[in-house]
Amino acid sequence: MKCILWFAAACMAMVCTAALTAAERPNVLFLFSDDQRADTIAALGNTHLQTPNLDRLVRDGTTFTQAYCMGSNQGAVCVPSRAMLMSGRTLYRVQEQLKGQATWPESFASAGYRTFMTGKWHNGAPSALRAFQERRPFSWVGWAIPTPFQCKTCHRQGRVETGSL
């Protein structure tokens, strides 16, 4: 329920900021790391690690230290977790490939933001193309790739660049 309320609040904020010019809108950087606990960042209390860049983001931004995954209906917990986060839906109401489900990056784009992603994405190419205006090479199949993987960086302007990971 908290996730749904947060998603609704984020969408409302996007609607309210839609009238602002690009210079007036705040920059938003959202980092979603798989399997990272809050206690792996020095600024959040870990005295054994040095994480200066994450520490700066914690100091100057917002940090969720009590966010937990609802569970999974498969071994790859990151897939439903990412789908829930992107859509604001709960585990049993989310479609993992996000077919027919709005995402908050789409709301950001509607409010005039330019959306970008890089990293793993196992929620289907169509949802990534729909949700993010710009993408850089990343893995569609996983992070442990034994041979060079050809991927395409697609742009809404129609350009397609091919590169290796």
N, C-alpha and C. Protein backbone atom coordinates (compact mmCIF):
# COMPACT_ATOMS: atom_id res chain seq x y z
N MET A 1 0.81 -1.19 0.00
CA MET A 1 0.00 0.00 0.00
C MET A 1 0.86 1.26 0.00
N LYS A 2 1.96 1.25 0.81
CA LYS A 2 2.85 2.40 0.84
C LYS A 2 3.44 2.67 -0.53
N CYS A 3 3.79 1.60 -1.26
CA CYS A 3 4.38 1.74 -2.59
C CYS A 3 3.37 2.39 -3.55
N ILE A 4 2.13 1.98 -3.45
CA ILE A 4 1.09 2.54 -4.31
C ILE A 4 0.88 4.01 -3.99
N LEU A 5 0.86 4.35 -2.70
CA LEU A 5 0.71 5.75 -2.31
C LEU A 5 1.90 6.58 -2.79
N TRP A 6 3.12 6.03 -2.67
CA TRP A 6 4.31 6.73 -3.13
C TRP A 6 4.22 6.96 -4.64
N PHE A 7 3.82 5.93 -5.38
CA PHE A 7 3.69 6.04 -6.83
C PHE A 7 2.66 7.10 -7.19
N ALA A 8 1.53 7.12 -6.51
CA ALA A 8 0.50 8.13 -6.78
C ALA A 8 1.02 9.53 -6.48
N ALA A 9 1.76 9.68 -5.39
CA ALA A 9 2.33 10.99 -5.05
C ALA A 9 3.34 11.43 -6.09
N ALA A 10 4.15 10.49 -6.57
CA ALA A 10 5.14 10.82 -7.60
C ALA A 10 4.45 11.26 -8.89
N CYS A 11 3.37 10.58 -9.26
CA CYS A 11 2.63 10.96 -10.47
C CYS A 11 2.01 12.35 -10.31
N MET A 12 1.46 12.62 -9.13
CA MET A 12 0.89 13.95 -8.89
C MET A 12 1.96 15.03 -8.97
N ALA A 13 3.14 14.73 -8.44
CA ALA A 13 4.24 15.70 -8.50
C ALA A 13 4.63 15.97 -9.95
N MET A 14 4.59 14.93 -10.78
CA MET A 14 4.92 15.11 -12.19
C MET A 14 3.89 15.99 -12.88
N VAL A 15 2.64 15.79 -12.56
CA VAL A 15 1.58 16.62 -13.15
C VAL A 15 1.76 18.07 -12.72
N CYS A 16 2.09 18.29 -11.45
CA CYS A 16 2.28 19.65 -10.94
C CYS A 16 3.49 20.33 -11.55
N THR A 17 4.54 19.57 -11.87
CA THR A 17 5.75 20.18 -12.42
C THR A 17 5.72 20.26 -13.94
N ALA A 18 4.70 19.72 -14.57
CA ALA A 18 4.62 19.73 -16.03
C ALA A 18 4.63 21.15 -16.59
N ALA A 19 4.08 22.10 -15.86
CA ALA A 19 4.02 23.48 -16.33
C ALA A 19 5.34 24.21 -16.18
N LEU A 20 6.28 23.66 -15.43
CA LEU A 20 7.57 24.30 -15.23
C LEU A 20 8.46 24.14 -16.45
N THR A 21 9.32 25.11 -16.68
CA THR A 21 10.27 24.98 -17.78
C THR A 21 11.35 23.99 -17.37
N ALA A 22 12.14 23.53 -18.34
CA ALA A 22 13.19 22.56 -18.05
C ALA A 22 14.16 23.10 -17.02
N ALA A 23 14.47 24.39 -17.06
CA ALA A 23 15.40 24.99 -16.10
C ALA A 23 14.82 25.03 -14.69
N GLU A 24 13.50 25.09 -14.55
CA GLU A 24 12.85 25.17 -13.24
C GLU A 24 12.62 23.81 -12.60
N ARG A 25 12.58 22.75 -13.40
CA ARG A 25 12.31 21.41 -12.86
C ARG A 25 13.56 20.87 -12.18
N PRO A 26 13.40 20.21 -11.03
CA PRO A 26 14.58 19.63 -10.37
C PRO A 26 15.08 18.42 -11.15
N ASN A 27 16.38 18.18 -11.10
CA ASN A 27 16.94 16.96 -11.68
C ASN A 27 16.61 15.80 -10.77
N VAL A 28 16.34 14.65 -11.36
CA VAL A 28 16.02 13.45 -10.58
C VAL A 28 16.94 12.33 -11.03
N LEU A 29 17.65 11.75 -10.08
CA LEU A 29 18.50 10.59 -10.34
C LEU A 29 17.98 9.48 -9.45
N PHE A 30 17.57 8.39 -10.05
CA PHE A 30 17.04 7.25 -9.30
C PHE A 30 17.97 6.07 -9.53
N LEU A 31 18.61 5.59 -8.48
CA LEU A 31 19.48 4.42 -8.56
C LEU A 31 18.75 3.24 -7.95
N PHE A 32 18.70 2.16 -8.70
CA PHE A 32 18.06 0.94 -8.22
C PHE A 32 19.09 -0.17 -8.34
N SER A 33 19.64 -0.58 -7.21
CA SER A 33 20.66 -1.63 -7.25
C SER A 33 20.07 -2.91 -6.69
N ASP A 34 20.32 -3.98 -7.39
CA ASP A 34 19.82 -5.29 -6.95
C ASP A 34 20.60 -5.77 -5.73
N ASP A 35 19.90 -6.30 -4.78
CA ASP A 35 20.49 -6.98 -3.64
C ASP A 35 21.45 -6.12 -2.82
N GLN A 36 21.24 -4.82 -2.79
CA GLN A 36 22.09 -3.97 -1.96
C GLN A 36 21.33 -3.54 -0.72
N ARG A 37 21.91 -3.83 0.42
CA ARG A 37 21.29 -3.45 1.69
C ARG A 37 21.70 -2.03 2.05
N ALA A 38 20.89 -1.36 2.85
CA ALA A 38 21.18 0.01 3.26
C ALA A 38 22.48 0.09 4.07
N ASP A 39 22.85 -0.98 4.76
CA ASP A 39 24.06 -0.93 5.58
C ASP A 39 25.34 -1.18 4.80
N THR A 40 25.29 -1.10 3.49
CA THR A 40 26.50 -1.23 2.66
C THR A 40 26.99 0.13 2.19
N ILE A 41 26.51 1.19 2.78
CA ILE A 41 26.90 2.56 2.42
C ILE A 41 27.42 3.24 3.68
N ALA A 42 28.61 3.82 3.58
CA ALA A 42 29.24 4.43 4.75
C ALA A 42 28.36 5.51 5.38
N ALA A 43 27.73 6.34 4.59
CA ALA A 43 26.90 7.44 5.12
C ALA A 43 25.70 6.92 5.91
N LEU A 44 25.36 5.67 5.73
CA LEU A 44 24.24 5.09 6.45
C LEU A 44 24.69 4.23 7.62
N GLY A 45 25.96 4.41 8.03
CA GLY A 45 26.42 3.77 9.25
C GLY A 45 27.48 2.70 9.12
N ASN A 46 27.89 2.32 7.93
CA ASN A 46 28.90 1.28 7.79
C ASN A 46 30.29 1.92 7.87
N THR A 47 31.02 1.59 8.93
CA THR A 47 32.35 2.17 9.14
C THR A 47 33.45 1.36 8.46
N HIS A 48 33.11 0.25 7.83
CA HIS A 48 34.10 -0.61 7.20
C HIS A 48 34.27 -0.34 5.71
N LEU A 49 33.39 0.44 5.13
CA LEU A 49 33.45 0.71 3.69
C LEU A 49 33.66 2.18 3.42
N GLN A 50 34.27 2.47 2.29
CA GLN A 50 34.39 3.84 1.82
C GLN A 50 33.57 3.96 0.54
N THR A 51 32.52 4.74 0.61
CA THR A 51 31.62 4.91 -0.55
C THR A 51 31.38 6.41 -0.76
N PRO A 52 32.40 7.17 -1.13
CA PRO A 52 32.27 8.63 -1.19
C PRO A 52 31.19 9.14 -2.15
N ASN A 53 31.03 8.53 -3.29
CA ASN A 53 30.01 9.00 -4.24
C ASN A 53 28.60 8.71 -3.76
N LEU A 54 28.40 7.51 -3.22
CA LEU A 54 27.10 7.19 -2.65
C LEU A 54 26.82 8.03 -1.42
N ASP A 55 27.87 8.30 -0.63
CA ASP A 55 27.71 9.15 0.55
C ASP A 55 27.21 10.54 0.17
N ARG A 56 27.76 11.09 -0.91
CA ARG A 56 27.33 12.41 -1.38
C ARG A 56 25.88 12.37 -1.84
N LEU A 57 25.50 11.32 -2.53
CA LEU A 57 24.10 11.19 -2.97
C LEU A 57 23.16 11.06 -1.77
N VAL A 58 23.58 10.33 -0.75
CA VAL A 58 22.78 10.20 0.47
C VAL A 58 22.63 11.56 1.13
N ARG A 59 23.74 12.28 1.24
CA ARG A 59 23.74 13.59 1.91
C ARG A 59 22.86 14.61 1.17
N ASP A 60 22.91 14.61 -0.15
CA ASP A 60 22.21 15.63 -0.94
C ASP A 60 20.86 15.18 -1.48
N GLY A 61 20.47 13.96 -1.24
CA GLY A 61 19.23 13.45 -1.82
C GLY A 61 18.32 12.79 -0.81
N THR A 62 17.56 11.82 -1.30
CA THR A 62 16.62 11.06 -0.47
C THR A 62 17.04 9.61 -0.51
N THR A 63 17.01 8.96 0.63
CA THR A 63 17.42 7.57 0.73
C THR A 63 16.30 6.75 1.36
N PHE A 64 16.01 5.60 0.76
CA PHE A 64 15.02 4.68 1.31
C PHE A 64 15.77 3.57 2.04
N THR A 65 15.74 3.58 3.35
CA THR A 65 16.48 2.58 4.13
C THR A 65 15.58 1.47 4.66
N GLN A 66 14.30 1.59 4.50
CA GLN A 66 13.37 0.58 4.99
C GLN A 66 12.50 0.05 3.86
N ALA A 67 13.05 -0.02 2.65
CA ALA A 67 12.31 -0.54 1.49
C ALA A 67 12.64 -2.02 1.34
N TYR A 68 11.63 -2.83 1.23
CA TYR A 68 11.83 -4.26 1.13
C TYR A 68 11.05 -4.81 -0.05
N CYS A 69 11.59 -5.85 -0.66
CA CYS A 69 10.91 -6.53 -1.75
C CYS A 69 9.79 -7.39 -1.19
N MET A 70 8.66 -7.35 -1.85
CA MET A 70 7.49 -8.10 -1.40
C MET A 70 7.64 -9.60 -1.57
N GLY A 71 8.59 -10.00 -2.37
CA GLY A 71 8.76 -11.42 -2.66
C GLY A 71 8.88 -11.61 -4.15
N SER A 72 8.78 -12.84 -4.56
CA SER A 72 8.92 -13.14 -5.98
C SER A 72 8.15 -14.41 -6.32
N ASN A 73 7.78 -14.50 -7.56
CA ASN A 73 7.12 -15.72 -8.03
C ASN A 73 8.07 -16.50 -8.94
N GLN A 74 9.37 -16.18 -8.84
CA GLN A 74 10.40 -16.87 -9.61
C GLN A 74 11.75 -16.69 -8.91
N GLY A 75 12.77 -17.35 -9.42
CA GLY A 75 14.10 -17.27 -8.82
C GLY A 75 14.78 -15.93 -8.99
N ALA A 76 14.51 -15.25 -10.09
CA ALA A 76 15.11 -13.93 -10.35
C ALA A 76 14.25 -12.86 -9.68
N VAL A 77 14.54 -12.59 -8.41
CA VAL A 77 13.75 -11.65 -7.62
C VAL A 77 13.77 -10.25 -8.24
N CYS A 78 14.85 -9.92 -8.97
CA CYS A 78 14.96 -8.58 -9.54
C CYS A 78 13.88 -8.27 -10.56
N VAL A 79 13.37 -9.26 -11.26
CA VAL A 79 12.37 -9.03 -12.31
C VAL A 79 11.05 -8.50 -11.71
N PRO A 80 10.41 -9.22 -10.79
CA PRO A 80 9.18 -8.67 -10.22
C PRO A 80 9.46 -7.43 -9.36
N SER A 81 10.62 -7.40 -8.71
CA SER A 81 10.96 -6.24 -7.89
C SER A 81 11.03 -4.98 -8.74
N ARG A 82 11.70 -5.05 -9.86
CA ARG A 82 11.80 -3.91 -10.77
C ARG A 82 10.43 -3.56 -11.35
N ALA A 83 9.64 -4.56 -11.71
CA ALA A 83 8.30 -4.30 -12.25
C ALA A 83 7.42 -3.61 -11.22
N MET A 84 7.50 -4.06 -9.96
CA MET A 84 6.70 -3.41 -8.90
C MET A 84 7.14 -1.97 -8.71
N LEU A 85 8.44 -1.75 -8.69
CA LEU A 85 8.96 -0.40 -8.50
C LEU A 85 8.60 0.52 -9.65
N MET A 86 8.71 0.04 -10.86
CA MET A 86 8.42 0.86 -12.04
C MET A 86 6.94 1.19 -12.17
N SER A 87 6.07 0.28 -11.73
CA SER A 87 4.63 0.47 -11.95
C SER A 87 3.86 0.91 -10.70
N GLY A 88 4.43 0.67 -9.52
CA GLY A 88 3.70 0.97 -8.30
C GLY A 88 2.69 -0.10 -7.94
N ARG A 89 2.72 -1.22 -8.64
CA ARG A 89 1.78 -2.31 -8.37
C ARG A 89 2.40 -3.35 -7.45
N THR A 90 1.57 -4.08 -6.75
CA THR A 90 2.06 -5.12 -5.85
C THR A 90 2.39 -6.39 -6.64
N LEU A 91 3.06 -7.32 -5.98
CA LEU A 91 3.53 -8.55 -6.63
C LEU A 91 2.44 -9.28 -7.40
N TYR A 92 1.25 -9.38 -6.81
CA TYR A 92 0.20 -10.17 -7.45
C TYR A 92 -0.66 -9.36 -8.41
N ARG A 93 -0.31 -8.10 -8.60
CA ARG A 93 -1.06 -7.25 -9.54
C ARG A 93 -0.18 -6.68 -10.65
N VAL A 94 1.10 -7.06 -10.64
CA VAL A 94 2.01 -6.54 -11.65
C VAL A 94 2.23 -7.58 -12.75
N GLN A 95 2.38 -7.11 -13.95
CA GLN A 95 2.73 -7.96 -15.08
C GLN A 95 4.23 -7.73 -15.28
N GLU A 96 5.05 -8.76 -15.13
CA GLU A 96 6.50 -8.59 -15.10
C GLU A 96 7.07 -7.92 -16.33
N GLN A 97 6.44 -8.09 -17.49
CA GLN A 97 6.92 -7.43 -18.70
C GLN A 97 6.30 -6.04 -18.86
N LEU A 98 5.51 -5.64 -17.89
CA LEU A 98 4.86 -4.31 -17.83
C LEU A 98 3.96 -4.02 -19.03
N LYS A 99 3.43 -5.08 -19.63
CA LYS A 99 2.51 -4.90 -20.77
C LYS A 99 1.24 -4.23 -20.30
N GLY A 100 0.90 -3.11 -20.90
CA GLY A 100 -0.32 -2.40 -20.57
C GLY A 100 -0.30 -1.72 -19.21
N GLN A 101 0.86 -1.59 -18.60
CA GLN A 101 0.95 -0.96 -17.28
C GLN A 101 1.83 0.28 -17.37
N ALA A 102 1.30 1.39 -16.90
CA ALA A 102 2.05 2.64 -16.92
C ALA A 102 3.21 2.57 -15.94
N THR A 103 4.28 3.26 -16.28
CA THR A 103 5.45 3.33 -15.40
C THR A 103 5.72 4.77 -15.02
N TRP A 104 6.42 4.96 -13.90
CA TRP A 104 6.70 6.33 -13.50
C TRP A 104 7.68 7.03 -14.43
N PRO A 105 8.61 6.34 -15.13
CA PRO A 105 9.40 7.07 -16.12
C PRO A 105 8.53 7.66 -17.25
N GLU A 106 7.46 6.97 -17.60
CA GLU A 106 6.53 7.51 -18.59
C GLU A 106 5.86 8.77 -18.06
N SER A 107 5.53 8.78 -16.77
CA SER A 107 4.94 9.97 -16.16
C SER A 107 5.94 11.13 -16.16
N PHE A 108 7.19 10.82 -15.88
CA PHE A 108 8.24 11.85 -15.94
C PHE A 108 8.32 12.42 -17.35
N ALA A 109 8.33 11.55 -18.36
CA ALA A 109 8.42 12.01 -19.75
C ALA A 109 7.22 12.89 -20.10
N SER A 110 6.04 12.52 -19.65
CA SER A 110 4.84 13.32 -19.91
C SER A 110 4.93 14.70 -19.27
N ALA A 111 5.71 14.79 -18.18
CA ALA A 111 5.88 16.07 -17.48
C ALA A 111 7.03 16.88 -18.06
N GLY A 112 7.63 16.40 -19.15
CA GLY A 112 8.68 17.15 -19.82
C GLY A 112 10.10 16.73 -19.48
N TYR A 113 10.25 15.69 -18.68
CA TYR A 113 11.58 15.20 -18.35
C TYR A 113 12.12 14.34 -19.48
N ARG A 114 13.42 14.27 -19.60
CA ARG A 114 14.08 13.35 -20.52
C ARG A 114 14.50 12.14 -19.68
N THR A 115 14.04 10.96 -20.04
CA THR A 115 14.30 9.77 -19.24
C THR A 115 15.42 8.94 -19.87
N PHE A 116 16.25 8.35 -19.02
CA PHE A 116 17.43 7.60 -19.45
C PHE A 116 17.62 6.40 -18.52
N MET A 117 18.09 5.30 -19.06
CA MET A 117 18.41 4.15 -18.23
C MET A 117 19.63 3.43 -18.76
N THR A 118 20.31 2.78 -17.85
CA THR A 118 21.38 1.85 -18.21
C THR A 118 21.42 0.79 -17.12
N GLY A 119 21.88 -0.37 -17.45
CA GLY A 119 21.94 -1.45 -16.47
C GLY A 119 21.11 -2.64 -16.92
N LYS A 120 20.87 -3.54 -15.99
CA LYS A 120 20.08 -4.73 -16.32
C LYS A 120 18.62 -4.36 -16.53
N TRP A 121 17.98 -5.09 -17.43
CA TRP A 121 16.54 -4.93 -17.64
C TRP A 121 16.00 -6.25 -18.14
N HIS A 122 15.29 -6.95 -17.30
CA HIS A 122 14.71 -8.24 -17.67
C HIS A 122 13.20 -8.16 -17.84
N ASN A 123 12.69 -6.95 -17.96
CA ASN A 123 11.25 -6.77 -18.02
C ASN A 123 10.75 -6.55 -19.45
N GLY A 124 11.51 -6.99 -20.41
CA GLY A 124 11.09 -6.94 -21.80
C GLY A 124 11.52 -5.67 -22.52
N ALA A 125 12.02 -5.85 -23.72
CA ALA A 125 12.47 -4.72 -24.52
C ALA A 125 11.34 -3.72 -24.79
N PRO A 126 10.12 -4.16 -25.11
CA PRO A 126 9.06 -3.18 -25.38
C PRO A 126 8.80 -2.21 -24.23
N SER A 127 8.87 -2.70 -22.99
CA SER A 127 8.61 -1.79 -21.86
C SER A 127 9.78 -0.82 -21.67
N ALA A 128 11.01 -1.26 -21.93
CA ALA A 128 12.15 -0.35 -21.82
C ALA A 128 12.07 0.73 -22.90
N LEU A 129 11.70 0.34 -24.11
CA LEU A 129 11.58 1.31 -25.21
C LEU A 129 10.46 2.31 -24.94
N ARG A 130 9.41 1.84 -24.29
CA ARG A 130 8.27 2.70 -23.98
C ARG A 130 8.58 3.64 -22.81
N ALA A 131 9.28 3.15 -21.79
CA ALA A 131 9.48 3.90 -20.56
C ALA A 131 10.64 4.88 -20.62
N PHE A 132 11.67 4.57 -21.40
CA PHE A 132 12.87 5.41 -21.39
C PHE A 132 13.16 5.96 -22.78
N GLN A 133 13.30 7.26 -22.86
CA GLN A 133 13.57 7.91 -24.14
C GLN A 133 14.96 7.58 -24.66
N GLU A 134 15.89 7.36 -23.76
CA GLU A 134 17.25 7.05 -24.16
C GLU A 134 17.78 5.92 -23.31
N ARG A 135 18.51 5.02 -23.97
CA ARG A 135 19.09 3.88 -23.27
C ARG A 135 20.51 3.69 -23.77
N ARG A 136 21.37 3.18 -22.94
CA ARG A 136 22.74 2.83 -23.34
C ARG A 136 22.88 1.32 -23.23
N PRO A 137 23.88 0.76 -23.90
CA PRO A 137 24.01 -0.71 -23.90
C PRO A 137 23.91 -1.30 -22.51
N PHE A 138 23.08 -2.30 -22.43
CA PHE A 138 22.88 -3.02 -21.19
C PHE A 138 22.42 -4.42 -21.55
N SER A 139 22.33 -5.27 -20.58
CA SER A 139 22.03 -6.67 -20.81
C SER A 139 20.53 -6.93 -20.80
N TRP A 140 20.05 -7.58 -21.84
CA TRP A 140 18.66 -8.03 -21.86
C TRP A 140 18.56 -9.41 -21.20
N VAL A 141 19.69 -10.12 -21.10
CA VAL A 141 19.64 -11.51 -20.67
C VAL A 141 20.28 -11.79 -19.33
N GLY A 142 21.01 -10.89 -18.75
CA GLY A 142 21.65 -11.13 -17.47
C GLY A 142 23.00 -10.46 -17.42
N TRP A 143 23.62 -10.51 -16.28
CA TRP A 143 24.88 -9.82 -16.12
C TRP A 143 26.08 -10.72 -16.32
N ALA A 144 25.92 -12.02 -16.28
CA ALA A 144 27.05 -12.93 -16.47
C ALA A 144 27.06 -13.42 -17.91
N ILE A 145 27.69 -12.65 -18.78
CA ILE A 145 27.69 -12.97 -20.21
C ILE A 145 29.09 -13.45 -20.59
N PRO A 146 29.24 -14.71 -20.96
CA PRO A 146 30.57 -15.24 -21.22
C PRO A 146 31.19 -14.76 -22.53
N THR A 147 30.40 -14.35 -23.49
CA THR A 147 30.93 -13.88 -24.77
C THR A 147 30.38 -12.49 -25.05
N PRO A 148 31.05 -11.75 -25.97
CA PRO A 148 30.51 -10.40 -26.28
C PRO A 148 29.05 -10.49 -26.71
N PHE A 149 28.27 -9.60 -26.22
CA PHE A 149 26.84 -9.58 -26.46
C PHE A 149 26.51 -8.35 -27.29
N GLN A 150 25.94 -8.54 -28.45
CA GLN A 150 25.54 -7.43 -29.29
C GLN A 150 24.21 -6.88 -28.81
N CYS A 151 24.16 -5.61 -28.60
CA CYS A 151 22.90 -5.00 -28.21
C CYS A 151 22.72 -3.71 -28.99
N LYS A 152 21.53 -3.27 -29.06
CA LYS A 152 21.22 -2.06 -29.80
C LYS A 152 20.77 -0.98 -28.84
N THR A 153 21.34 0.19 -29.00
CA THR A 153 20.89 1.35 -28.25
C THR A 153 19.92 2.07 -29.17
N CYS A 154 18.66 2.05 -28.81
CA CYS A 154 17.62 2.62 -29.66
C CYS A 154 17.30 4.04 -29.20
N HIS A 155 17.07 4.89 -30.14
CA HIS A 155 16.70 6.27 -29.86
C HIS A 155 15.33 6.52 -30.46
N ARG A 156 14.55 7.33 -29.82
CA ARG A 156 13.22 7.63 -30.33
C ARG A 156 13.29 8.36 -31.67
N GLN A 157 14.43 8.99 -31.95
CA GLN A 157 14.58 9.69 -33.22
C GLN A 157 14.79 8.70 -34.37
N GLY A 158 14.88 7.42 -34.07
CA GLY A 158 15.00 6.42 -35.11
C GLY A 158 16.41 5.89 -35.31
N ARG A 159 17.42 6.51 -34.68
CA ARG A 159 18.79 6.04 -34.79
C ARG A 159 18.94 4.74 -34.00
N VAL A 160 19.71 3.83 -34.53
CA VAL A 160 20.03 2.60 -33.81
C VAL A 160 21.53 2.42 -33.87
N GLU A 161 22.16 2.28 -32.70
CA GLU A 161 23.58 2.05 -32.63
C GLU A 161 23.79 0.66 -32.07
N THR A 162 24.72 -0.08 -32.65
CA THR A 162 25.03 -1.41 -32.15
C THR A 162 26.37 -1.39 -31.46
N GLY A 163 26.47 -2.03 -30.32
CA GLY A 163 27.73 -2.09 -29.59
C GLY A 163 27.84 -3.40 -28.85
N SER A 164 29.00 -3.63 -28.30
CA SER A 164 29.23 -4.86 -27.53
C SER A 164 29.35 -4.54 -26.07
N LEU A 165 28.86 -5.44 -25.26
CA LEU A 165 29.05 -5.32 -23.82
C LEU A 165 30.26 -6.14 -23.43
